[in-house]
Amino acid sequence: YIWYQYHVDVRLWVASLIMSCFYIAIYL
């Protein structure tokens, strides 16, 4: 996510989607 954000790449949102799923499971 950070890499793609730095490079202004739309794939940052895909990485954010994936990251969010993992952290939702962790925090729940």
All heavy atoms as atom14 arrays in JSON, in Angstrom:
{
  "sequence": "YIWYQYHVDVRLWVASLIMSCFYIAIYL",
  "atom14_mask": [
    [1, 1, 1, 1, 1, 1, 1, 1, 1, 1, 1, 1, 0, 0],
    [1, 1, 1, 1, 1, 1, 1, 1, 0, 0, 0, 0, 0, 0],
    [1, 1, 1, 1, 1, 1, 1, 1, 1, 1, 1, 1, 1, 1],
    [1, 1, 1, 1, 1, 1, 1, 1, 1, 1, 1, 1, 0, 0],
    [1, 1, 1, 1, 1, 1, 1, 1, 1, 0, 0, 0, 0, 0],
    [1, 1, 1, 1, 1, 1, 1, 1, 1, 1, 1, 1, 0, 0],
    [1, 1, 1, 1, 1, 1, 1, 1, 1, 1, 0, 0, 0, 0],
    [1, 1, 1, 1, 1, 1, 1, 0, 0, 0, 0, 0, 0, 0],
    [1, 1, 1, 1, 1, 1, 1, 1, 0, 0, 0, 0, 0, 0],
    [1, 1, 1, 1, 1, 1, 1, 0, 0, 0, 0, 0, 0, 0],
    [1, 1, 1, 1, 1, 1, 1, 1, 1, 1, 1, 0, 0, 0],
    [1, 1, 1, 1, 1, 1, 1, 1, 0, 0, 0, 0, 0, 0],
    [1, 1, 1, 1, 1, 1, 1, 1, 1, 1, 1, 1, 1, 1],
    [1, 1, 1, 1, 1, 1, 1, 0, 0, 0, 0, 0, 0, 0],
    [1, 1, 1, 1, 1, 0, 0, 0, 0, 0, 0, 0, 0, 0],
    [1, 1, 1, 1, 1, 1, 0, 0, 0, 0, 0, 0, 0, 0],
    [1, 1, 1, 1, 1, 1, 1, 1, 0, 0, 0, 0, 0, 0],
    [1, 1, 1, 1, 1, 1, 1, 1, 0, 0, 0, 0, 0, 0],
    [1, 1, 1, 1, 1, 1, 1, 1, 0, 0, 0, 0, 0, 0],
    [1, 1, 1, 1, 1, 1, 0, 0, 0, 0, 0, 0, 0, 0],
    [1, 1, 1, 1, 1, 1, 0, 0, 0, 0, 0, 0, 0, 0],
    [1, 1, 1, 1, 1, 1, 1, 1, 1, 1, 1, 0, 0, 0],
    [1, 1, 1, 1, 1, 1, 1, 1, 1, 1, 1, 1, 0, 0],
    [1, 1, 1, 1, 1, 1, 1, 1, 0, 0, 0, 0, 0, 0],
    [1, 1, 1, 1, 1, 0, 0, 0, 0, 0, 0, 0, 0, 0],
    [1, 1, 1, 1, 1, 1, 1, 1, 0, 0, 0, 0, 0, 0],
    [1, 1, 1, 1, 1, 1, 1, 1, 1, 1, 1, 1, 0, 0],
    [1, 1, 1, 1, 1, 1, 1, 1, 0, 0, 0, 0, 0, 0]
  ],
  "atom14_positions": [
    [[0.84, -1.21, 0.0], [0.0, 0.0, 0.0], [0.87, 1.25, 0.0], [0.66, 2.17, -0.79], [-0.93, -0.01, 1.21], [-1.69, 1.28, 1.4], [-2.85, 1.54, 0.69], [-1.23, 2.25, 2.28], [-3.54, 2.72, 0.84], [-1.91, 3.45, 2.44], [-3.06, 3.67, 1.72], [-3.73, 4.86, 1.86], [0.0, 0.0, 0.0], [0.0, 0.0, 0.0]],
    [[1.85, 1.29, 0.89], [2.74, 2.46, 0.98], [3.53, 2.62, -0.32], [3.66, 3.74, -0.84], [3.69, 2.32, 2.18], [2.9, 2.43, 3.48], [4.79, 3.39, 2.14], [3.68, 2.01, 4.72], [0.0, 0.0, 0.0], [0.0, 0.0, 0.0], [0.0, 0.0, 0.0], [0.0, 0.0, 0.0], [0.0, 0.0, 0.0], [0.0, 0.0, 0.0]],
    [[4.04, 1.54, -0.88], [4.79, 1.59, -2.13], [3.93, 2.18, -3.25], [4.35, 3.09, -3.96], [5.27, 0.19, -2.5], [5.97, 0.13, -3.83], [5.4, -0.19, -5.03], [7.33, 0.43, -4.09], [6.34, -0.13, -6.03], [7.54, 0.25, -5.48], [8.4, 0.81, -3.29], [8.76, 0.45, -6.08], [9.62, 1.01, -3.9], [9.8, 0.84, -5.27]],
    [[2.72, 1.64, -3.39], [1.85, 2.12, -4.47], [1.37, 3.55, -4.23], [1.22, 4.32, -5.17], [0.65, 1.19, -4.65], [1.0, -0.15, -5.22], [0.49, -1.32, -4.68], [1.85, -0.27, -6.32], [0.8, -2.56, -5.21], [2.18, -1.5, -6.85], [1.65, -2.65, -6.29], [1.97, -3.86, -6.82], [0.0, 0.0, 0.0], [0.0, 0.0, 0.0]],
    [[1.17, 3.9, -2.97], [0.77, 5.27, -2.68], [1.88, 6.24, -3.06], [1.64, 7.28, -3.67], [0.42, 5.43, -1.2], [-0.09, 6.8, -0.85], [-0.42, 6.94, 0.62], [0.07, 6.19, 1.45], [-1.23, 7.9, 0.96], [0.0, 0.0, 0.0], [0.0, 0.0, 0.0], [0.0, 0.0, 0.0], [0.0, 0.0, 0.0], [0.0, 0.0, 0.0]],
    [[3.11, 5.89, -2.72], [4.25, 6.73, -3.05], [4.37, 6.93, -4.56], [4.74, 8.0, -5.03], [5.54, 6.1, -2.49], [6.78, 6.88, -2.84], [7.1, 8.06, -2.15], [7.63, 6.45, -3.85], [8.23, 8.78, -2.48], [8.77, 7.17, -4.17], [9.06, 8.33, -3.49], [10.18, 9.04, -3.81], [0.0, 0.0, 0.0], [0.0, 0.0, 0.0]],
    [[4.05, 5.88, -5.31], [4.16, 5.94, -6.77], [2.85, 6.35, -7.45], [2.75, 6.27, -8.68], [4.64, 4.6, -7.31], [6.05, 4.31, -6.93], [7.14, 4.93, -7.53], [6.58, 3.51, -5.98], [8.25, 4.51, -6.98], [7.95, 3.65, -6.03], [0.0, 0.0, 0.0], [0.0, 0.0, 0.0], [0.0, 0.0, 0.0], [0.0, 0.0, 0.0]],
    [[1.88, 6.81, -6.67], [0.59, 7.28, -7.18], [0.02, 6.25, -8.16], [-0.27, 6.53, -9.31], [0.7, 8.68, -7.84], [-0.69, 9.25, -8.08], [1.52, 9.63, -7.0], [0.0, 0.0, 0.0], [0.0, 0.0, 0.0], [0.0, 0.0, 0.0], [0.0, 0.0, 0.0], [0.0, 0.0, 0.0], [0.0, 0.0, 0.0], [0.0, 0.0, 0.0]],
    [[-0.13, 5.04, -7.66], [-0.6, 3.91, -8.46], [-1.94, 3.45, -7.89], [-2.07, 3.24, -6.68], [0.43, 2.78, -8.38], [0.15, 1.64, -9.32], [-1.03, 1.3, -9.54], [1.13, 1.05, -9.81], [0.0, 0.0, 0.0], [0.0, 0.0, 0.0], [0.0, 0.0, 0.0], [0.0, 0.0, 0.0], [0.0, 0.0, 0.0], [0.0, 0.0, 0.0]],
    [[-2.93, 3.28, -8.75], [-4.26, 2.9, -8.32], [-4.26, 1.57, -7.56], [-5.16, 1.29, -6.78], [-5.24, 2.87, -9.52], [-4.94, 1.7, -10.43], [-6.69, 2.83, -9.05], [0.0, 0.0, 0.0], [0.0, 0.0, 0.0], [0.0, 0.0, 0.0], [0.0, 0.0, 0.0], [0.0, 0.0, 0.0], [0.0, 0.0, 0.0], [0.0, 0.0, 0.0]],
    [[-3.23, 0.76, -7.75], [-3.14, -0.52, -7.03], [-3.03, -0.34, -5.53], [-3.2, -1.29, -4.78], [-1.98, -1.35, -7.57], [-2.26, -1.89, -8.97], [-1.11, -2.68, -9.49], [-0.03, -1.76, -9.88], [1.1, -2.11, -10.46], [1.32, -3.39, -10.72], [2.0, -1.23, -10.81], [0.0, 0.0, 0.0], [0.0, 0.0, 0.0], [0.0, 0.0, 0.0]],
    [[-2.78, 0.89, -5.07], [-2.75, 1.12, -3.63], [-4.09, 0.74, -3.01], [-4.14, 0.27, -1.87], [-2.39, 2.57, -3.29], [-3.43, 3.67, -3.47], [-4.16, 3.97, -2.18], [-2.73, 4.92, -3.94], [0.0, 0.0, 0.0], [0.0, 0.0, 0.0], [0.0, 0.0, 0.0], [0.0, 0.0, 0.0], [0.0, 0.0, 0.0], [0.0, 0.0, 0.0]],
    [[-5.18, 0.91, -3.75], [-6.5, 0.59, -3.21], [-6.72, -0.91, -3.11], [-7.38, -1.39, -2.2], [-7.59, 1.26, -4.05], [-7.45, 2.74, -3.97], [-7.12, 3.59, -4.98], [-7.6, 3.56, -2.81], [-7.06, 4.88, -4.51], [-7.34, 4.89, -3.18], [-7.91, 3.29, -1.48], [-7.4, 5.95, -2.29], [-7.97, 4.34, -0.58], [-7.71, 5.65, -0.99]],
    [[-6.14, -1.66, -4.03], [-6.23, -3.13, -3.94], [-5.46, -3.6, -2.71], [-5.94, -4.45, -1.95], [-5.7, -3.79, -5.23], [-5.7, -5.31, -5.1], [-6.53, -3.36, -6.43], [0.0, 0.0, 0.0], [0.0, 0.0, 0.0], [0.0, 0.0, 0.0], [0.0, 0.0, 0.0], [0.0, 0.0, 0.0], [0.0, 0.0, 0.0], [0.0, 0.0, 0.0]],
    [[-4.26, -3.05, -2.53], [-3.47, -3.4, -1.34], [-4.22, -3.0, -0.07], [-4.2, -3.74, 0.92], [-2.1, -2.71, -1.4], [0.0, 0.0, 0.0], [0.0, 0.0, 0.0], [0.0, 0.0, 0.0], [0.0, 0.0, 0.0], [0.0, 0.0, 0.0], [0.0, 0.0, 0.0], [0.0, 0.0, 0.0], [0.0, 0.0, 0.0], [0.0, 0.0, 0.0]],
    [[-4.9, -1.85, -0.08], [-5.68, -1.41, 1.07], [-6.84, -2.37, 1.35], [-7.13, -2.66, 2.51], [-6.21, 0.0, 0.84], [-6.96, 0.43, 1.95], [0.0, 0.0, 0.0], [0.0, 0.0, 0.0], [0.0, 0.0, 0.0], [0.0, 0.0, 0.0], [0.0, 0.0, 0.0], [0.0, 0.0, 0.0], [0.0, 0.0, 0.0], [0.0, 0.0, 0.0]],
    [[-7.5, -2.83, 0.3], [-8.58, -3.81, 0.46], [-8.07, -5.07, 1.15], [-8.67, -5.56, 2.12], [-9.14, -4.21, -0.91], [-10.3, -3.44, -1.47], [-10.51, -3.79, -2.94], [-11.55, -3.71, -0.69], [0.0, 0.0, 0.0], [0.0, 0.0, 0.0], [0.0, 0.0, 0.0], [0.0, 0.0, 0.0], [0.0, 0.0, 0.0], [0.0, 0.0, 0.0]],
    [[-6.97, -5.59, 0.65], [-6.4, -6.82, 1.21], [-5.96, -6.6, 2.65], [-6.26, -7.39, 3.55], [-5.24, -7.31, 0.32], [-5.78, -7.73, -1.05], [-4.48, -8.45, 0.99], [-4.71, -7.94, -2.11], [0.0, 0.0, 0.0], [0.0, 0.0, 0.0], [0.0, 0.0, 0.0], [0.0, 0.0, 0.0], [0.0, 0.0, 0.0], [0.0, 0.0, 0.0]],
    [[-5.22, -5.51, 2.89], [-4.75, -5.2, 4.23], [-5.91, -5.05, 5.21], [-5.87, -5.57, 6.32], [-3.92, -3.91, 4.2], [-3.4, -3.48, 5.56], [-2.46, -1.93, 5.49], [-3.73, -0.76, 5.02], [0.0, 0.0, 0.0], [0.0, 0.0, 0.0], [0.0, 0.0, 0.0], [0.0, 0.0, 0.0], [0.0, 0.0, 0.0], [0.0, 0.0, 0.0]],
    [[-6.96, -4.38, 4.77], [-8.12, -4.16, 5.64], [-8.77, -5.47, 6.05], [-9.15, -5.64, 7.22], [-9.15, -3.28, 4.93], [-8.61, -2.0, 4.7], [0.0, 0.0, 0.0], [0.0, 0.0, 0.0], [0.0, 0.0, 0.0], [0.0, 0.0, 0.0], [0.0, 0.0, 0.0], [0.0, 0.0, 0.0], [0.0, 0.0, 0.0], [0.0, 0.0, 0.0]],
    [[-8.89, -6.39, 5.12], [-9.48, -7.7, 5.45], [-8.67, -8.41, 6.54], [-9.25, -8.96, 7.48], [-9.58, -8.58, 4.21], [-10.8, -8.0, 3.01], [0.0, 0.0, 0.0], [0.0, 0.0, 0.0], [0.0, 0.0, 0.0], [0.0, 0.0, 0.0], [0.0, 0.0, 0.0], [0.0, 0.0, 0.0], [0.0, 0.0, 0.0], [0.0, 0.0, 0.0]],
    [[-7.36, -8.4, 6.4], [-6.52, -9.04, 7.42], [-6.69, -8.37, 8.78], [-6.86, -9.04, 9.81], [-5.04, -9.03, 7.02], [-4.69, -10.03, 5.97], [-4.24, -9.63, 4.73], [-4.83, -11.39, 6.21], [-3.91, -10.56, 3.75], [-4.51, -12.33, 5.24], [-4.05, -11.91, 4.01], [0.0, 0.0, 0.0], [0.0, 0.0, 0.0], [0.0, 0.0, 0.0]],
    [[-6.65, -7.03, 8.81], [-6.72, -6.34, 10.09], [-8.11, -6.37, 10.72], [-8.23, -6.35, 11.94], [-6.16, -4.92, 9.98], [-4.65, -4.95, 9.96], [-3.94, -4.6, 8.84], [-3.94, -5.38, 11.08], [-2.56, -4.66, 8.81], [-2.57, -5.44, 11.08], [-1.87, -5.08, 9.94], [-0.51, -5.15, 9.93], [0.0, 0.0, 0.0], [0.0, 0.0, 0.0]],
    [[-9.14, -6.45, 9.92], [-10.48, -6.63, 10.49], [-10.52, -7.96, 11.24], [-10.99, -8.03, 12.39], [-11.58, -6.58, 9.39], [-11.75, -5.16, 8.88], [-12.91, -7.12, 9.93], [-12.6, -5.05, 7.62], [0.0, 0.0, 0.0], [0.0, 0.0, 0.0], [0.0, 0.0, 0.0], [0.0, 0.0, 0.0], [0.0, 0.0, 0.0], [0.0, 0.0, 0.0]],
    [[-10.02, -9.01, 10.6], [-9.99, -10.33, 11.25], [-9.14, -10.3, 12.53], [-9.54, -10.85, 13.57], [-9.46, -11.38, 10.28], [0.0, 0.0, 0.0], [0.0, 0.0, 0.0], [0.0, 0.0, 0.0], [0.0, 0.0, 0.0], [0.0, 0.0, 0.0], [0.0, 0.0, 0.0], [0.0, 0.0, 0.0], [0.0, 0.0, 0.0], [0.0, 0.0, 0.0]],
    [[-7.99, -9.66, 12.47], [-7.1, -9.58, 13.64], [-7.79, -8.86, 14.79], [-7.83, -9.37, 15.92], [-5.78, -8.87, 13.27], [-4.95, -9.75, 12.34], [-4.99, -8.52, 14.54], [-3.79, -9.02, 11.67], [0.0, 0.0, 0.0], [0.0, 0.0, 0.0], [0.0, 0.0, 0.0], [0.0, 0.0, 0.0], [0.0, 0.0, 0.0], [0.0, 0.0, 0.0]],
    [[-8.32, -7.65, 14.52], [-8.89, -6.86, 15.6], [-10.18, -7.45, 16.14], [-10.44, -7.36, 17.34], [-9.09, -5.41, 15.15], [-7.77, -4.66, 15.06], [-7.37, -4.04, 13.89], [-6.93, -4.58, 16.17], [-6.17, -3.36, 13.82], [-5.73, -3.91, 16.1], [-5.35, -3.31, 14.93], [-4.16, -2.64, 14.87], [0.0, 0.0, 0.0], [0.0, 0.0, 0.0]],
    [[-11.0, -8.06, 15.29], [-12.2, -8.72, 15.8], [-11.82, -9.89, 16.69], [-12.41, -10.1, 17.75], [-13.09, -9.21, 14.65], [-13.9, -8.15, 13.92], [-14.66, -8.78, 12.75], [-14.86, -7.43, 14.87], [0.0, 0.0, 0.0], [0.0, 0.0, 0.0], [0.0, 0.0, 0.0], [0.0, 0.0, 0.0], [0.0, 0.0, 0.0], [0.0, 0.0, 0.0]]
  ]
}
